[in-house]
Amino acid sequence: MTRYTGCIDLHNGQVKQIVGGTLTEDKDDTLKTNFVSEKSSSYYAELYKTNNVTGSHVIKLGPNNDAAALEALKAAPKFMQVGGGINDSNCLEWLKYADKVIITSWLFSKDGKFLFDNLQKVSKMCGKDHLVVDLSCRRTPDKRWVVAMNKWQTLTDLELNKETFSTLSEYTNEFLIHAADVEGLCKGIDEELVEKLYEWTQEIDNSVKLVYAGGAKSVSDLELVDKLSHGKVDLTYGSSLDIFGRDLVKFDDCCKWNTAHPN
């Protein structure tokens, strides 16, 4: 059964909601921001924990976010996941406070080649139950979904397909998939991608978790994702939520969905 999971996106130490495709590596003048919170990261972490929104994550989008991320994790010890700049040299330190670490860019070379040895190494260090592999992606002109790194600006050589999920699930039990092309737009989820996520993973053990993020604009999207993925994919809301300054989706309604649809 599809469930709602929460997010805390950090940019320059603040909780923000941004349009994913506008985030760049070198400059902020192209960044489109939907919301900048006056509340601390710990406020949201405590909110998720109080309402038992399990599997929620805090993502560090660039530098100057470590303190805010640590504040969130300490507010809800061993409850949140953390991602952004995680690698073999710091993963165990973050796991002192986080339930899981989320890794993307460190699994690739600077020019976007997948480094399988790095995945094996960090999985052995953390344990597959404490590792989330971020396969956030963009769609290519030839209608493939390809993993994007470096704030979703660099396409890698790793394509989302059945073989990829089958191979990687030997080293992790959770995948996070941001649909970067629709992230933050509040114009609807990528329905075809959600359907494909089920198609690609239907033969994988049900203990492997899939979390989709990008474009959700209505509480009814939970039911839609549940239908499209046969309950295999969970859904994260960001810019459309009332707790992030919008009125499209009420946080309380998402929590009520989870209560009515327990695992």
Protein backbone atom coordinates (compact mmCIF):
# COMPACT_ATOMS: atom_id res chain seq x y z
CA MET A 1 0.00 0.00 0.00
CA THR A 2 1.32 3.42 -0.99
CA ARG A 3 2.13 5.72 1.92
CA TYR A 4 3.08 9.35 2.34
CA THR A 5 6.66 10.15 3.32
CA GLY A 6 7.96 13.58 4.30
CA CYS A 7 10.87 15.68 3.10
CA ILE A 8 13.03 18.51 4.37
CA ASP A 9 15.01 20.17 1.59
CA LEU A 10 17.88 22.37 2.77
CA HIS A 11 19.53 25.09 0.69
CA ASN A 12 22.10 27.43 2.26
CA GLY A 13 21.00 26.29 5.70
CA GLN A 14 17.31 27.06 5.22
CA VAL A 15 14.30 24.84 4.63
CA LYS A 16 13.17 25.55 1.08
CA GLN A 17 11.01 24.17 -1.68
CA ILE A 18 12.52 24.70 -5.11
CA VAL A 19 11.88 23.85 -8.74
CA GLY A 20 14.25 20.91 -9.12
CA GLY A 21 15.34 21.52 -12.69
CA THR A 22 16.55 25.06 -11.88
CA LEU A 23 19.10 24.00 -9.25
CA THR A 24 22.62 24.39 -10.61
CA GLU A 25 26.07 23.52 -9.34
CA ASP A 26 27.76 26.90 -9.62
CA LYS A 27 25.27 29.73 -9.19
CA ASP A 28 21.93 30.58 -7.64
CA ASP A 29 20.68 33.23 -10.08
CA THR A 30 18.76 30.62 -12.09
CA LEU A 31 17.20 29.06 -8.98
CA LYS A 32 13.41 29.21 -8.76
CA THR A 33 12.20 28.97 -5.17
CA ASN A 34 8.61 28.12 -4.26
CA PHE A 35 8.98 28.58 -0.51
CA VAL A 36 11.49 29.61 2.14
CA SER A 37 10.48 28.58 5.65
CA GLU A 38 10.83 30.74 8.72
CA LYS A 39 10.80 27.54 10.76
CA SER A 40 13.84 25.45 11.58
CA SER A 41 14.68 22.04 10.18
CA SER A 42 14.07 20.57 13.65
CA TYR A 43 10.47 21.83 13.56
CA TYR A 44 9.73 19.68 10.52
CA ALA A 45 11.62 16.67 11.88
CA GLU A 46 9.60 16.80 15.09
CA LEU A 47 6.40 17.22 13.06
CA TYR A 48 7.13 14.09 11.04
CA LYS A 49 8.07 12.07 14.09
CA THR A 50 5.03 13.17 16.10
CA ASN A 51 2.78 12.09 13.23
CA ASN A 52 4.78 8.91 12.56
CA VAL A 53 5.58 9.84 8.96
CA THR A 54 8.17 7.10 8.67
CA GLY A 55 10.82 7.09 5.96
CA SER A 56 11.01 10.89 5.83
CA HIS A 57 14.24 12.42 4.62
CA VAL A 58 16.34 15.55 4.87
CA ILE A 59 18.31 16.47 1.75
CA LYS A 60 21.27 18.85 1.72
CA LEU A 61 21.20 20.71 -1.59
CA GLY A 62 24.72 22.03 -1.79
CA PRO A 63 27.06 23.47 0.87
CA ASN A 64 26.30 25.17 4.20
CA ASN A 65 23.63 22.67 5.21
CA ASP A 66 25.38 20.31 7.62
CA ALA A 67 24.36 22.18 10.78
CA ALA A 68 20.69 22.37 9.76
CA ALA A 69 20.68 18.70 8.76
CA LEU A 70 22.22 17.68 12.06
CA GLU A 71 19.67 19.78 13.93
CA ALA A 72 16.84 17.91 12.20
CA LEU A 73 18.38 14.50 12.86
CA LYS A 74 18.97 15.22 16.54
CA ALA A 75 15.36 16.39 16.91
CA ALA A 76 14.20 12.94 15.78
CA PRO A 77 17.08 10.53 16.45
CA LYS A 78 17.23 7.44 14.23
CA PHE A 79 13.95 8.47 12.58
CA MET A 80 14.99 10.53 9.56
CA GLN A 81 17.11 9.71 6.53
CA VAL A 82 19.80 12.11 5.32
CA GLY A 83 21.27 12.73 1.89
CA GLY A 84 23.52 15.20 0.10
CA GLY A 85 27.29 14.84 0.00
CA ILE A 86 27.25 11.43 1.67
CA ASN A 87 30.25 9.21 0.93
CA ASP A 88 32.47 6.53 2.45
CA SER A 89 34.28 9.03 4.67
CA ASN A 90 31.22 10.43 6.43
CA CYS A 91 28.39 7.89 6.13
CA LEU A 92 28.99 6.24 9.49
CA GLU A 93 29.14 9.62 11.24
CA TRP A 94 25.73 10.56 9.84
CA LEU A 95 24.34 7.17 10.86
CA LYS A 96 24.94 8.08 14.49
CA TYR A 97 21.79 10.18 14.20
CA ALA A 98 20.06 9.10 10.96
CA ASP A 99 18.11 5.92 10.30
CA LYS A 100 19.53 5.70 6.78
CA VAL A 101 21.92 7.59 4.53
CA ILE A 102 20.99 8.50 0.96
CA ILE A 103 23.72 8.40 -1.67
CA THR A 104 23.81 9.61 -5.27
CA SER A 105 26.77 11.52 -6.65
CA TRP A 106 29.46 9.51 -4.84
CA LEU A 107 28.32 6.46 -6.81
CA PHE A 108 29.45 8.14 -10.03
CA SER A 109 32.65 9.54 -11.49
CA LYS A 110 32.84 13.25 -12.29
CA ASP A 111 31.80 12.55 -15.86
CA GLY A 112 28.84 10.42 -14.80
CA LYS A 113 30.09 6.84 -15.01
CA PHE A 114 28.54 4.49 -12.46
CA LEU A 115 31.10 3.20 -9.94
CA PHE A 116 29.88 -0.22 -8.88
CA ASP A 117 32.78 -0.71 -6.48
CA ASN A 118 31.69 2.38 -4.53
CA LEU A 119 28.21 0.94 -4.08
CA GLN A 120 29.60 -2.35 -2.83
CA LYS A 121 31.93 -0.54 -0.43
CA VAL A 122 29.34 1.75 1.15
CA SER A 123 26.76 -1.04 1.37
CA LYS A 124 29.24 -3.14 3.32
CA MET A 125 30.07 -0.21 5.60
CA CYS A 126 26.50 0.87 6.36
CA GLY A 127 24.57 -2.34 5.82
CA LYS A 128 22.00 -2.49 3.03
CA ASP A 129 19.19 -1.82 5.53
CA HIS A 130 20.69 1.59 6.32
CA LEU A 131 21.44 2.66 2.74
CA VAL A 132 19.14 4.42 0.28
CA VAL A 133 20.28 4.70 -3.33
CA ASP A 134 19.00 7.89 -4.93
CA LEU A 135 18.11 7.22 -8.56
CA SER A 136 16.64 10.65 -9.23
CA CYS A 137 16.31 11.04 -12.94
CA ARG A 138 15.52 13.08 -16.00
CA ARG A 139 13.86 11.92 -19.19
CA THR A 140 15.92 11.90 -22.36
CA PRO A 141 14.68 12.84 -25.85
CA ASP A 142 14.63 9.14 -26.76
CA LYS A 143 12.18 8.52 -23.89
CA ARG A 144 14.50 6.84 -21.41
CA TRP A 145 14.87 7.78 -17.75
CA VAL A 146 18.50 8.37 -16.82
CA VAL A 147 19.92 9.03 -13.36
CA ALA A 148 20.98 12.67 -12.92
CA MET A 149 23.60 13.84 -10.42
CA ASN A 150 25.13 17.16 -9.32
CA LYS A 151 21.82 18.74 -8.34
CA TRP A 152 20.15 16.89 -11.24
CA GLN A 153 22.16 18.77 -13.88
CA THR A 154 24.51 15.99 -15.06
CA LEU A 155 23.11 12.92 -16.80
CA THR A 156 24.95 9.71 -15.94
CA ASP A 157 25.40 6.45 -17.82
CA LEU A 158 22.93 4.66 -15.52
CA GLU A 159 19.50 4.10 -17.02
CA LEU A 160 16.48 3.17 -14.94
CA ASN A 161 15.31 -0.27 -16.03
CA LYS A 162 14.65 -3.75 -14.72
CA GLU A 163 18.30 -4.77 -14.78
CA THR A 164 19.42 -1.70 -12.82
CA PHE A 165 16.94 -2.24 -10.00
CA SER A 166 17.62 -5.97 -9.89
CA THR A 167 21.38 -5.48 -9.59
CA LEU A 168 21.32 -2.60 -7.13
CA SER A 169 18.75 -4.20 -4.83
CA GLU A 170 21.43 -6.66 -3.77
CA TYR A 171 23.13 -3.76 -1.97
CA THR A 172 20.25 -1.60 -0.73
CA ASN A 173 16.66 -2.10 0.35
CA GLU A 174 15.39 1.36 -0.62
CA PHE A 175 15.42 3.62 -3.66
CA LEU A 176 14.53 7.32 -3.81
CA ILE A 177 13.44 8.58 -7.21
CA HIS A 178 12.95 12.30 -7.79
CA ALA A 179 11.44 13.03 -11.19
CA ALA A 180 13.61 16.13 -11.64
CA ASP A 181 11.74 17.39 -14.70
CA VAL A 182 8.52 17.86 -12.70
CA GLU A 183 9.99 18.41 -9.22
CA GLY A 184 8.53 21.51 -7.57
CA LEU A 185 6.13 22.36 -10.40
CA CYS A 186 2.95 21.10 -8.66
CA LYS A 187 1.54 20.12 -12.05
CA GLY A 188 1.07 16.43 -11.41
CA ILE A 189 3.21 13.36 -11.01
CA ASP A 190 4.99 11.61 -13.86
CA GLU A 191 2.42 8.85 -14.18
CA GLU A 192 4.36 6.92 -16.79
CA LEU A 193 7.45 6.84 -14.60
CA VAL A 194 5.45 5.57 -11.62
CA GLU A 195 4.00 2.80 -13.79
CA LYS A 196 7.48 1.93 -15.00
CA LEU A 197 8.81 1.77 -11.44
CA TYR A 198 6.33 -1.01 -10.76
CA GLU A 199 7.10 -2.73 -14.06
CA TRP A 200 10.84 -2.65 -13.42
CA THR A 201 10.62 -3.90 -9.82
CA GLN A 202 7.64 -6.25 -9.68
CA GLU A 203 9.93 -9.29 -9.42
CA ILE A 204 12.06 -7.75 -6.66
CA ASP A 205 11.40 -8.71 -3.05
CA ASN A 206 8.61 -6.66 -1.48
CA SER A 207 10.93 -5.66 1.36
CA VAL A 208 12.68 -3.30 -1.09
CA LYS A 209 11.09 0.14 -0.74
CA LEU A 210 10.54 2.66 -3.54
CA VAL A 211 9.83 6.34 -2.87
CA TYR A 212 8.77 8.68 -5.68
CA ALA A 213 8.96 12.48 -5.49
CA GLY A 214 7.98 15.10 -8.03
CA GLY A 215 4.91 17.07 -9.06
CA ALA A 216 2.35 15.79 -6.54
CA LYS A 217 -0.43 18.38 -6.29
CA SER A 218 -3.40 16.67 -4.63
CA VAL A 219 -3.99 14.27 -1.77
CA SER A 220 -5.67 12.06 -4.38
CA ASP A 221 -2.21 11.50 -5.88
CA LEU A 222 -1.66 8.98 -3.07
CA GLU A 223 -4.51 6.90 -4.44
CA LEU A 224 -3.25 7.41 -7.99
CA VAL A 225 0.28 6.24 -7.15
CA ASP A 226 -1.16 3.30 -5.24
CA LYS A 227 -3.15 2.30 -8.32
CA LEU A 228 -0.36 2.85 -10.87
CA SER A 229 2.28 1.04 -8.79
CA HIS A 230 0.03 -1.64 -7.28
CA GLY A 231 0.93 -0.23 -3.87
CA LYS A 232 4.66 -0.72 -4.37
CA VAL A 233 5.71 2.96 -4.53
CA ASP A 234 5.44 5.53 -1.72
CA LEU A 235 4.92 9.24 -2.41
CA THR A 236 6.60 12.39 -1.13
CA TYR A 237 4.94 15.80 -1.23
CA GLY A 238 6.86 19.07 -1.14
CA SER A 239 5.86 22.38 -2.67
CA SER A 240 2.13 21.62 -2.73
CA LEU A 241 1.84 21.11 1.06
CA ASP A 242 0.31 23.62 3.45
CA ILE A 243 3.30 23.21 5.78
CA PHE A 244 5.41 24.60 2.93
CA GLY A 245 3.25 27.62 2.25
CA ARG A 246 0.77 26.25 -0.29
CA ASP A 247 -2.86 25.22 0.04
CA LEU A 248 -3.08 22.42 -2.53
CA VAL A 249 -2.53 19.57 -0.05
CA LYS A 250 -3.09 19.48 3.70
CA PHE A 251 -0.42 17.75 5.76
CA ASP A 252 -3.11 16.40 8.08
CA ASP A 253 -4.88 14.73 5.14
CA CYS A 254 -1.67 12.94 4.17
CA CYS A 255 -1.27 11.71 7.74
CA LYS A 256 -4.90 10.54 7.76
CA TRP A 257 -4.19 8.54 4.59
CA ASN A 258 -1.30 6.79 6.33
CA THR A 259 -3.44 6.01 9.37
CA ALA A 260 -6.17 4.56 7.17
CA HIS A 261 -3.67 2.55 5.11
CA PRO A 262 -1.16 0.95 7.50
CA ASN A 263 1.64 -1.22 6.19
